[in-house]
C-alpha atoms as a PDB file:
ATOM      1  CA  UNK A   1      46.394 -10.342 -17.977  1.00  0.00           C
ATOM      2  CA  UNK A   2      45.837 -13.573 -16.149  1.00  0.00           C
ATOM      3  CA  UNK A   3      49.057 -15.171 -14.973  1.00  0.00           C
ATOM      4  CA  UNK A   4      50.121 -18.364 -13.283  1.00  0.00           C
ATOM      5  CA  UNK A   5      53.077 -17.778 -10.966  1.00  0.00           C
ATOM      6  CA  UNK A   6      55.141 -20.907 -10.390  1.00  0.00           C
ATOM      7  CA  UNK A   7      56.684 -22.140  -7.172  1.00  0.00           C
ATOM      8  CA  UNK A   8      59.977 -20.562  -8.261  1.00  0.00           C
ATOM      9  CA  UNK A   9      58.347 -17.112  -8.706  1.00  0.00           C
ATOM     10  CA  UNK A  10      58.487 -17.130 -12.502  1.00  0.00           C
ATOM     11  CA  UNK A  11      55.532 -16.482 -14.805  1.00  0.00           C
ATOM     12  CA  UNK A  12      54.507 -19.963 -15.978  1.00  0.00           C
ATOM     13  CA  UNK A  13      51.485 -18.986 -18.066  1.00  0.00           C
ATOM     14  CA  UNK A  14      50.170 -15.641 -19.279  1.00  0.00           C
ATOM     15  CA  UNK A  15      46.824 -14.951 -20.934  1.00  0.00           C
ATOM     16  CA  UNK A  16      45.637 -11.655 -22.372  1.00  0.00           C
ATOM     17  CA  UNK A  17      42.399 -10.320 -20.921  1.00  0.00           C
ATOM     18  CA  UNK A  18      42.325  -7.023 -22.833  1.00  0.00           C
ATOM     19  CA  UNK A  19      44.184  -3.883 -23.719  1.00  0.00           C
ATOM     20  CA  UNK A  20      45.292  -1.641 -26.573  1.00  0.00           C
ATOM     21  CA  UNK A  21      46.539  -3.852 -29.443  1.00  0.00           C
ATOM     22  CA  UNK A  22      49.739  -1.829 -29.949  1.00  0.00           C
ATOM     23  CA  UNK A  23      50.765  -2.266 -26.310  1.00  0.00           C
ATOM     24  CA  UNK A  24      49.840  -5.922 -25.779  1.00  0.00           C
ATOM     25  CA  UNK A  25      53.101  -7.492 -26.948  1.00  0.00           C
ATOM     26  CA  UNK A  26      55.449  -5.125 -25.070  1.00  0.00           C
ATOM     27  CA  UNK A  27      53.379  -5.535 -21.903  1.00  0.00           C
ATOM     28  CA  UNK A  28      53.294  -9.324 -22.118  1.00  0.00           C
ATOM     29  CA  UNK A  29      57.021  -9.527 -22.961  1.00  0.00           C
ATOM     30  CA  UNK A  30      57.813  -7.387 -19.929  1.00  0.00           C
ATOM     31  CA  UNK A  31      55.603  -9.367 -17.535  1.00  0.00           C
ATOM     32  CA  UNK A  32      57.211 -12.629 -18.667  1.00  0.00           C
ATOM     33  CA  UNK A  33      60.545 -11.226 -17.394  1.00  0.00           C
ATOM     34  CA  UNK A  34      59.212 -10.390 -13.932  1.00  0.00           C
ATOM     35  CA  UNK A  35      59.952 -12.549 -10.905  1.00  0.00           C
ATOM     36  CA  UNK A  36      57.632 -12.790  -7.943  1.00  0.00           C
ATOM     37  CA  UNK A  37      57.999 -13.947  -4.373  1.00  0.00           C
ATOM     38  CA  UNK A  38      56.177 -17.319  -4.317  1.00  0.00           C
ATOM     39  CA  UNK A  39      53.114 -17.696  -2.121  1.00  0.00           C
ATOM     40  CA  UNK A  40      53.844 -19.883   0.947  1.00  0.00           C
ATOM     41  CA  UNK A  41      50.585 -20.427   2.877  1.00  0.00           C
ATOM     42  CA  UNK A  42      51.982 -23.405   4.846  1.00  0.00           C
ATOM     43  CA  UNK A  43      55.666 -22.634   4.508  1.00  0.00           C
ATOM     44  CA  UNK A  44      55.987 -24.412   1.139  1.00  0.00           C
ATOM     45  CA  UNK A  45      55.827 -22.452  -2.134  1.00  0.00           C
ATOM     46  CA  UNK A  46      52.689 -22.995  -4.206  1.00  0.00           C
ATOM     47  CA  UNK A  47      51.637 -22.122  -7.741  1.00  0.00           C
ATOM     48  CA  UNK A  48      49.017 -19.346  -7.890  1.00  0.00           C
ATOM     49  CA  UNK A  49      46.809 -17.729 -10.504  1.00  0.00           C
ATOM     50  CA  UNK A  50      46.554 -13.951 -10.389  1.00  0.00           C
ATOM     51  CA  UNK A  51      45.567 -10.932 -12.445  1.00  0.00           C
ATOM     52  CA  UNK A  52      48.227  -8.436 -13.530  1.00  0.00           C
ATOM     53  CA  UNK A  53      47.500  -4.947 -14.842  1.00  0.00           C
ATOM     54  CA  UNK A  54      50.140  -2.997 -16.732  1.00  0.00           C
ATOM     55  CA  UNK A  55      49.581   0.761 -16.722  1.00  0.00           C
ATOM     56  CA  UNK A  56      51.441   2.818 -19.300  1.00  0.00           C
ATOM     57  CA  UNK A  57      52.499   6.317 -18.355  1.00  0.00           C
ATOM     58  CA  UNK A  58      54.433   8.702 -20.565  1.00  0.00           C
ATOM     59  CA  UNK A  59      57.066  10.764 -18.751  1.00  0.00           C
ATOM     60  CA  UNK A  60      60.711  11.699 -19.189  1.00  0.00           C
ATOM     61  CA  UNK A  61      63.516  10.160 -17.199  1.00  0.00           C
ATOM     62  CA  UNK A  62      67.297  10.000 -17.166  1.00  0.00           C
ATOM     63  CA  UNK A  63      69.188   6.785 -16.472  1.00  0.00           C
ATOM     64  CA  UNK A  64      72.630   8.386 -16.219  1.00  0.00           C
ATOM     65  CA  UNK A  65      72.873   9.882 -12.716  1.00  0.00           C
ATOM     66  CA  UNK A  66      70.650   8.224 -10.104  1.00  0.00           C
ATOM     67  CA  UNK A  67      72.389  10.136  -7.309  1.00  0.00           C
ATOM     68  CA  UNK A  68      70.931  13.429  -8.560  1.00  0.00           C
ATOM     69  CA  UNK A  69      67.211  12.827  -7.985  1.00  0.00           C
ATOM     70  CA  UNK A  70      66.806  10.966 -11.264  1.00  0.00           C
ATOM     71  CA  UNK A  71      64.926   7.735 -11.709  1.00  0.00           C
ATOM     72  CA  UNK A  72      66.309   4.324 -12.651  1.00  0.00           C
ATOM     73  CA  UNK A  73      63.806   2.033 -14.322  1.00  0.00           C
ATOM     74  CA  UNK A  74      63.805  -1.769 -14.250  1.00  0.00           C
ATOM     75  CA  UNK A  75      64.839  -3.423 -17.507  1.00  0.00           C
ATOM     76  CA  UNK A  76      61.217  -4.331 -18.298  1.00  0.00           C
ATOM     77  CA  UNK A  77      60.168  -0.666 -18.172  1.00  0.00           C
ATOM     78  CA  UNK A  78      63.086   0.329 -20.394  1.00  0.00           C
ATOM     79  CA  UNK A  79      62.087  -2.431 -22.824  1.00  0.00           C
ATOM     80  CA  UNK A  80      58.475  -1.224 -22.913  1.00  0.00           C
ATOM     81  CA  UNK A  81      59.648   2.360 -23.448  1.00  0.00           C
ATOM     82  CA  UNK A  82      61.845   1.305 -26.383  1.00  0.00           C
ATOM     83  CA  UNK A  83      58.960  -0.654 -27.913  1.00  0.00           C
ATOM     84  CA  UNK A  84      56.649   2.345 -27.538  1.00  0.00           C
ATOM     85  CA  UNK A  85      59.178   4.604 -29.265  1.00  0.00           C
ATOM     86  CA  UNK A  86      59.410   2.092 -32.108  1.00  0.00           C
ATOM     87  CA  UNK A  87      55.609   1.939 -32.439  1.00  0.00           C
ATOM     88  CA  UNK A  88      55.246   5.728 -32.411  1.00  0.00           C
ATOM     89  CA  UNK A  89      57.939   6.045 -35.078  1.00  0.00           C
ATOM     90  CA  UNK A  90      55.997   3.575 -37.219  1.00  0.00           C
ATOM     91  CA  UNK A  91      52.760   5.478 -36.680  1.00  0.00           C
ATOM     92  CA  UNK A  92      54.363   8.833 -37.481  1.00  0.00           C
ATOM     93  CA  UNK A  93      56.486   7.680 -40.416  1.00  0.00           C
ATOM     94  CA  UNK A  94      54.122   9.391 -42.846  1.00  0.00           C
ATOM     95  CA  UNK A  95      54.529  12.764 -41.107  1.00  0.00           C
ATOM     96  CA  UNK A  96      57.241  15.341 -41.830  1.00  0.00           C
ATOM     97  CA  UNK A  97      57.732  16.109 -38.117  1.00  0.00           C
END
């Protein structure tokens, strides 16, 4: 994705460059939630254009006990995971599994 990051660190504009059609919306929705540290080449924040890649990885995690070597995910990752589950359920709805 191509993104414009505003002076406040928010994603001002987001354009799809490519990717699997089923994952485009969850990825773009997640990136729109992200906040960045604004670029400050001369001490003042500036708007910048950048490229963002979202890599999907399928693995198990537990959000309940972070003090026991378990992983907490940011809300955007949890959102993507829930969207992927929804998509897989749709794809497998014709199966008896």
